[in-house]
Amino acid sequence: MSHAAIIHKKGDPDVFAWEEVAVGDPGPSEVRIRHTAIGVNYADTYHRRGISHPIPLPPLPLILGLEAVGEIIALGADVSEFSVGEKVAYCLPPVGSYCEERIYPAKTLVKVPEGIDDVSVAGVMMTGMTARMLLFDTYKVKPGDFVLIHAAAGGVGHVLCPWARALGATVIGTVGSPEKAKLAKSLGCHHTINYNEEDFAARTREIANGEGCHVVYESIGKTTLRQSLASLRPLGVCAAYGHASGAPDPVDIIEELGKPGALFITRPALHWYVHKHEDLNAYAADVFSAMRTGVFKSAVNQTYPLREVAKAHAAIEARQTTGSTVLIP
């Protein structure tokens, strides 16, 4: 038997229950993993609350969580690319990482290189892969681009800001406090904007020579989307990859995209970019390489015991966290 944090209904963080679960043996093309570190993502809070998200969920009762690191303890039939005792990581559906042990499909696992500790990997798998998607595929950042990054001191921001700077962009980050502005600067932002004190759209256009930015990485949603669009130059791209403040209202493609300058808007979701195993491995290789060469660091600023996942969710939703949050089984 193993233990897991389970929800039997959608709602506030207190819906988590700590229960024993039967894990069983892996089937064909599956492995059984014993977790050593589990990442917590803002998307997990959407799933817990029942907020619409591109990733479909199994029915309740449900074990949440999208990413983790662990050791393979059993192999299913026809699994040849992995071995028992090997360190692996994942950050894709199906959900179910908030547990001590689980069965997982081998096709969405990646091998963890030696020399990187488990907690660091758990804190950067989803954020690192998301940053890789945003910077290279959703919009390919080029030297000289002006890039606007929301929640610059958050988990994705810890990777997105330094990586965008390393690519030669002028990085503008929005934050909610002077303390987070200082942190965002240390992460590579050339400019920071406290959205509680300034109109970030007007300030972004001013920084970007009056023209607006080339791309805005939009993770807030309802309260910021319109201003994000107003931050763009003609032909600019709004990559709306999250909605922390709630789902945004519908966009008028003529008035809000066409007239301001033929703007682009997209809702990228990582699992569509790494649907093929070769793409998943390529993304992971880029993330691990960038970590090893110092482009960015895995910043795990909060850890909680797995059975206290409710406290982790409450802190994230109250915006009391910076960097990544990891659960320890």
Protein backbone atom coordinates (compact mmCIF):
# COMPACT_ATOMS: atom_id res chain seq x y z
CA MET A 1 0.00 0.00 0.00
CA SER A 2 1.00 3.60 -0.60
CA HIS A 3 -0.40 6.96 0.49
CA ALA A 4 -1.77 9.82 -1.60
CA ALA A 5 -3.45 13.22 -1.25
CA ILE A 6 -6.90 12.66 -2.76
CA ILE A 7 -9.81 14.98 -3.52
CA HIS A 8 -13.38 13.66 -3.48
CA LYS A 9 -14.88 16.99 -4.49
CA LYS A 10 -13.69 20.23 -6.10
CA GLY A 11 -13.14 23.27 -3.90
CA ASP A 12 -10.79 25.04 -1.48
CA PRO A 13 -7.45 23.55 -0.36
CA ASP A 14 -9.10 21.77 2.57
CA VAL A 15 -10.68 19.23 0.17
CA PHE A 16 -7.46 17.16 0.23
CA ALA A 17 -7.62 13.90 2.18
CA TRP A 18 -4.56 11.77 3.10
CA GLU A 19 -5.44 8.15 2.32
CA GLU A 20 -3.97 4.74 1.63
CA VAL A 21 -4.18 3.64 -2.00
CA ALA A 22 -3.43 0.40 -3.80
CA VAL A 23 -0.88 0.85 -6.58
CA GLY A 24 -0.55 -2.59 -8.18
CA ASP A 25 1.80 -3.78 -10.89
CA PRO A 26 2.65 -1.88 -14.07
CA GLY A 27 0.93 -2.99 -17.24
CA PRO A 28 2.46 -3.12 -20.72
CA SER A 29 4.44 0.04 -21.54
CA GLU A 30 4.16 1.26 -17.92
CA VAL A 31 6.50 1.56 -14.95
CA ARG A 32 5.98 1.82 -11.20
CA ILE A 33 7.70 4.84 -9.66
CA ARG A 34 8.56 5.66 -6.05
CA HIS A 35 8.51 9.45 -5.81
CA THR A 36 11.30 11.42 -4.16
CA ALA A 37 10.11 14.98 -4.96
CA ILE A 38 6.84 16.31 -6.40
CA GLY A 39 6.35 19.67 -8.08
CA VAL A 40 3.33 21.89 -7.43
CA ASN A 41 2.03 24.06 -10.28
CA TYR A 42 -0.60 26.76 -10.49
CA ALA A 43 -2.45 24.51 -12.93
CA ASP A 44 -2.95 22.09 -10.02
CA THR A 45 -5.03 24.73 -8.25
CA TYR A 46 -7.23 25.06 -11.36
CA HIS A 47 -7.80 21.32 -11.30
CA ARG A 48 -8.61 21.36 -7.58
CA ARG A 49 -11.11 24.20 -7.95
CA GLY A 50 -12.69 22.85 -11.14
CA ILE A 51 -11.61 25.78 -13.30
CA SER A 52 -11.56 25.12 -17.04
CA HIS A 53 -8.14 24.05 -18.30
CA PRO A 54 -6.87 22.49 -21.57
CA ILE A 55 -5.93 19.26 -19.77
CA PRO A 56 -8.93 16.92 -19.37
CA LEU A 57 -9.24 15.26 -15.96
CA PRO A 58 -10.40 11.79 -14.89
CA PRO A 59 -13.54 11.61 -12.72
CA LEU A 60 -13.49 12.03 -8.94
CA PRO A 61 -12.07 10.83 -6.57
CA LEU A 62 -8.84 12.16 -7.98
CA ILE A 63 -5.14 12.41 -7.20
CA LEU A 64 -3.87 15.72 -8.58
CA GLY A 65 -0.37 16.74 -9.64
CA LEU A 66 1.41 16.88 -12.99
CA GLU A 67 5.11 16.52 -12.24
CA ALA A 68 7.49 14.55 -10.08
CA VAL A 69 10.87 12.89 -9.82
CA GLY A 70 11.41 9.36 -8.61
CA GLU A 71 13.01 5.97 -8.96
CA ILE A 72 11.66 3.17 -11.11
CA ILE A 73 10.89 0.16 -8.92
CA ALA A 74 9.13 -2.10 -11.45
CA LEU A 75 8.83 -2.40 -15.23
CA GLY A 76 5.87 -3.45 -17.32
CA ALA A 77 6.12 -5.81 -20.26
CA ASP A 78 7.88 -4.40 -23.36
CA VAL A 79 9.53 -1.48 -21.50
CA SER A 80 13.12 -1.59 -22.72
CA GLU A 81 14.34 2.01 -22.62
CA PHE A 82 14.31 2.21 -18.80
CA SER A 83 15.61 0.03 -16.00
CA VAL A 84 14.77 -0.64 -12.34
CA GLY A 85 16.61 1.80 -10.09
CA GLU A 86 16.83 4.50 -12.76
CA LYS A 87 16.02 8.12 -11.84
CA VAL A 88 13.23 9.58 -13.99
CA ALA A 89 11.00 12.64 -14.13
CA TYR A 90 7.78 13.71 -15.80
CA CYS A 91 5.53 16.76 -16.12
CA LEU A 92 2.63 15.71 -18.32
CA PRO A 93 -0.82 14.18 -17.97
CA PRO A 94 -2.23 11.99 -16.66
CA VAL A 95 -2.54 13.74 -13.31
CA GLY A 96 -1.71 11.75 -10.20
CA SER A 97 1.69 12.83 -8.84
CA TYR A 98 0.52 13.73 -5.30
CA CYS A 99 1.34 10.25 -4.04
CA GLU A 100 4.20 8.16 -2.69
CA GLU A 101 4.14 5.63 -5.54
CA ARG A 102 2.29 5.35 -8.83
CA ILE A 103 2.00 3.62 -12.19
CA TYR A 104 3.02 5.83 -15.10
CA PRO A 105 3.31 5.43 -18.92
CA ALA A 106 6.93 5.04 -20.02
CA LYS A 107 6.39 7.09 -23.18
CA THR A 108 6.10 10.34 -21.19
CA LEU A 109 9.08 9.81 -18.87
CA VAL A 110 12.52 11.39 -19.24
CA LYS A 111 15.79 10.26 -17.71
CA VAL A 112 17.33 12.57 -15.11
CA PRO A 113 21.03 13.28 -15.75
CA GLU A 114 23.51 12.64 -12.98
CA GLY A 115 24.59 15.62 -10.93
CA ILE A 116 21.17 17.29 -10.59
CA ASP A 117 19.37 16.73 -7.29
CA ASP A 118 15.80 15.50 -7.19
CA VAL A 119 14.26 18.56 -5.54
CA SER A 120 15.84 20.89 -8.11
CA VAL A 121 14.50 18.78 -10.98
CA ALA A 122 11.01 18.61 -9.45
CA GLY A 123 11.05 22.39 -9.14
CA VAL A 124 11.92 23.01 -12.75
CA MET A 125 10.40 20.28 -14.94
CA MET A 126 7.10 21.99 -15.69
CA THR A 127 8.41 25.56 -15.48
CA GLY A 128 11.48 24.75 -17.55
CA MET A 129 9.58 22.89 -20.24
CA THR A 130 6.94 25.64 -20.33
CA ALA A 131 9.63 28.31 -20.74
CA ARG A 132 11.23 26.24 -23.50
CA MET A 133 7.87 26.08 -25.28
CA LEU A 134 7.16 29.81 -24.92
CA LEU A 135 10.59 31.13 -25.90
CA PHE A 136 11.39 28.86 -28.83
CA ASP A 137 8.13 27.56 -30.32
CA THR A 138 5.12 29.68 -29.28
CA TYR A 139 7.10 32.80 -30.21
CA LYS A 140 10.77 32.49 -31.14
CA VAL A 141 12.53 35.20 -29.18
CA LYS A 142 15.30 37.00 -31.08
CA PRO A 143 18.06 39.39 -30.01
CA GLY A 144 16.62 42.88 -29.72
CA ASP A 145 13.04 41.79 -29.02
CA PHE A 146 11.07 43.44 -26.24
CA VAL A 147 9.48 40.75 -24.08
CA LEU A 148 6.83 41.32 -21.39
CA ILE A 149 6.62 38.60 -18.71
CA HIS A 150 3.82 38.58 -16.14
CA ALA A 151 4.42 37.17 -12.64
CA ALA A 152 8.12 37.63 -13.22
CA ALA A 153 8.99 36.50 -9.68
CA GLY A 154 6.87 33.36 -9.91
CA GLY A 155 7.79 29.80 -10.79
CA VAL A 156 7.80 30.16 -14.58
CA GLY A 157 9.29 33.64 -14.22
CA HIS A 158 12.35 32.18 -12.49
CA VAL A 159 13.15 30.36 -15.73
CA LEU A 160 11.53 32.58 -18.36
CA CYS A 161 13.23 35.84 -17.32
CA PRO A 162 16.88 34.69 -17.34
CA TRP A 163 16.40 32.51 -20.41
CA ALA A 164 14.79 35.37 -22.37
CA ARG A 165 17.66 37.65 -21.38
CA ALA A 166 20.20 35.03 -22.45
CA LEU A 167 18.53 35.03 -25.88
CA GLY A 168 19.22 38.75 -26.23
CA ALA A 169 15.79 40.16 -25.44
CA THR A 170 15.00 43.25 -23.40
CA VAL A 171 13.02 41.71 -20.55
CA ILE A 172 10.16 43.59 -18.87
CA GLY A 173 8.57 41.90 -15.86
CA THR A 174 5.39 42.69 -13.99
CA VAL A 175 5.21 42.11 -10.23
CA GLY A 176 2.92 42.95 -7.33
CA SER A 177 5.32 44.34 -4.72
CA PRO A 178 8.69 46.09 -4.32
CA GLU A 179 10.15 42.88 -2.88
CA LYS A 180 9.12 40.90 -5.95
CA ALA A 181 10.45 43.69 -8.20
CA LYS A 182 13.86 43.27 -6.58
CA LEU A 183 13.71 39.53 -7.10
CA ALA A 184 12.64 39.92 -10.73
CA LYS A 185 15.63 42.19 -11.34
CA SER A 186 17.93 39.53 -9.93
CA LEU A 187 16.37 37.02 -12.34
CA GLY A 188 17.34 39.09 -15.37
CA CYS A 189 14.58 41.64 -15.91
CA HIS A 190 15.92 44.87 -17.39
CA HIS A 191 12.75 46.66 -16.27
CA THR A 192 10.10 45.84 -13.67
CA ILE A 193 6.58 47.24 -13.39
CA ASN A 194 4.50 47.04 -10.24
CA TYR A 195 1.01 46.55 -11.66
CA ASN A 196 -0.50 47.87 -8.40
CA GLU A 197 1.17 51.24 -8.95
CA GLU A 198 1.52 51.70 -12.72
CA ASP A 199 -0.37 51.10 -15.95
CA PHE A 200 1.82 48.30 -17.24
CA ALA A 201 0.60 48.66 -20.84
CA ALA A 202 1.54 52.34 -21.01
CA ARG A 203 4.85 51.74 -19.27
CA THR A 204 5.69 48.81 -21.57
CA ARG A 205 5.06 50.89 -24.67
CA GLU A 206 7.23 53.65 -23.24
CA ILE A 207 10.10 51.23 -22.59
CA ALA A 208 9.71 49.69 -26.05
CA ASN A 209 10.34 53.00 -27.83
CA GLY A 210 6.65 53.83 -28.01
CA GLU A 211 5.89 50.82 -30.20
CA GLY A 212 5.04 48.10 -27.69
CA CYS A 213 6.59 44.71 -27.08
CA HIS A 214 7.03 41.88 -29.57
CA VAL A 215 5.51 39.25 -27.27
CA VAL A 216 3.73 39.19 -23.93
CA TYR A 217 3.75 36.00 -21.90
CA GLU A 218 0.36 36.28 -20.24
CA SER A 219 -0.29 34.09 -17.20
CA ILE A 220 -2.78 36.21 -15.22
CA GLY A 221 -5.85 36.14 -17.45
CA LYS A 222 -9.06 37.97 -16.66
CA THR A 223 -7.62 41.05 -14.96
CA THR A 224 -4.74 41.66 -17.37
CA LEU A 225 -5.51 40.31 -20.85
CA ARG A 226 -6.83 43.57 -22.31
CA GLN A 227 -3.82 45.52 -21.07
CA SER A 228 -1.54 42.78 -22.33
CA LEU A 229 -2.97 43.21 -25.82
CA ALA A 230 -2.52 46.97 -25.45
CA SER A 231 1.16 46.36 -24.64
CA LEU A 232 1.86 44.86 -28.06
CA ARG A 233 3.25 46.45 -31.20
CA PRO A 234 1.61 45.64 -34.57
CA LEU A 235 1.95 41.93 -35.39
CA GLY A 236 2.79 41.27 -31.72
CA VAL A 237 1.98 37.96 -30.05
CA CYS A 238 0.05 37.39 -26.83
CA ALA A 239 0.89 33.93 -25.49
CA ALA A 240 -1.89 33.43 -22.92
CA TYR A 241 -0.59 30.31 -21.20
CA GLY A 242 -2.32 30.76 -17.82
CA HIS A 243 -5.22 32.50 -16.10
CA ALA A 244 -4.40 32.93 -12.41
CA SER A 245 -7.10 35.60 -11.96
CA GLY A 246 -9.73 33.60 -13.82
CA ALA A 247 -10.62 32.90 -17.41
CA PRO A 248 -10.56 36.08 -19.54
CA ASP A 249 -13.61 37.44 -21.28
CA PRO A 250 -14.02 36.71 -25.02
CA VAL A 251 -11.87 38.78 -27.37
CA ASP A 252 -13.33 40.69 -30.33
CA ILE A 253 -10.98 39.65 -33.13
CA ILE A 254 -11.80 42.70 -35.25
CA GLU A 255 -11.73 45.47 -32.64
CA GLU A 256 -9.12 44.05 -30.27
CA LEU A 257 -6.82 42.15 -32.62
CA GLY A 258 -7.36 43.50 -36.12
CA LYS A 259 -7.57 47.25 -35.65
CA PRO A 260 -4.66 47.66 -33.19
CA GLY A 261 -2.27 46.04 -35.67
CA ALA A 262 -3.15 42.48 -36.71
CA LEU A 263 -2.23 41.06 -33.31
CA PHE A 264 -1.88 37.35 -32.62
CA ILE A 265 -3.21 35.53 -29.57
CA THR A 266 -2.68 31.88 -28.69
CA ARG A 267 -3.39 29.59 -25.76
CA PRO A 268 -0.33 27.28 -25.66
CA ALA A 269 -0.45 24.06 -23.63
CA LEU A 270 2.74 22.07 -23.16
CA HIS A 271 1.32 18.62 -23.80
CA TRP A 272 0.53 19.53 -27.43
CA TYR A 273 4.12 20.66 -28.04
CA VAL A 274 5.72 17.49 -26.66
CA HIS A 275 3.10 14.99 -27.77
CA LYS A 276 5.78 12.87 -29.47
CA HIS A 277 8.40 11.20 -27.27
CA GLU A 278 11.26 12.55 -29.38
CA ASP A 279 9.99 16.11 -28.86
CA LEU A 280 9.64 15.50 -25.11
CA ASN A 281 13.22 14.25 -24.90
CA ALA A 282 14.48 17.21 -26.95
CA TYR A 283 12.71 19.69 -24.67
CA ALA A 284 14.08 17.98 -21.55
CA ALA A 285 17.60 17.95 -23.00
CA ASP A 286 17.39 21.70 -23.64
CA VAL A 287 16.13 22.38 -20.10
CA PHE A 288 18.81 20.26 -18.43
CA SER A 289 21.50 21.79 -20.65
CA ALA A 290 20.38 25.33 -19.78
CA MET A 291 20.47 24.42 -16.09
CA ARG A 292 23.94 22.95 -16.30
CA THR A 293 25.37 25.91 -18.22
CA GLY A 294 23.89 28.41 -15.77
CA VAL A 295 21.31 30.02 -18.05
CA PHE A 296 18.86 29.65 -15.16
CA LYS A 297 18.77 27.95 -11.78
CA SER A 298 16.11 25.79 -10.23
CA ALA A 299 14.75 27.99 -7.46
CA VAL A 300 12.77 25.87 -5.03
CA ASN A 301 11.85 28.41 -2.39
CA GLN A 302 9.20 26.38 -0.58
CA THR A 303 9.01 22.71 0.38
CA TYR A 304 6.20 20.94 2.24
CA PRO A 305 5.59 17.36 3.32
CA LEU A 306 3.31 15.69 0.78
CA ARG A 307 0.57 15.21 3.35
CA GLU A 308 0.52 19.03 3.86
CA VAL A 309 -0.26 19.80 0.22
CA ALA A 310 -3.28 21.88 1.32
CA LYS A 311 -0.90 24.39 2.94
CA ALA A 312 1.11 24.56 -0.28
CA HIS A 313 -1.98 25.29 -2.38
CA ALA A 314 -3.20 27.94 0.06
CA ALA A 315 0.16 29.74 -0.01
CA ILE A 316 0.35 29.68 -3.81
CA GLU A 317 -3.17 31.05 -4.23
CA ALA A 318 -2.48 33.79 -1.67
CA ARG A 319 0.59 34.78 -3.74
CA GLN A 320 2.81 34.19 -0.72
CA THR A 321 5.31 32.14 -2.70
CA THR A 322 8.17 32.87 -5.07
CA GLY A 323 9.94 30.47 -7.37
CA SER A 324 8.88 26.82 -7.21
CA THR A 325 7.13 24.75 -4.57
CA VAL A 326 7.99 21.08 -4.02
CA LEU A 327 6.33 18.36 -1.95
CA ILE A 328 8.45 15.73 -0.21
CA PRO A 329 6.82 12.27 0.15
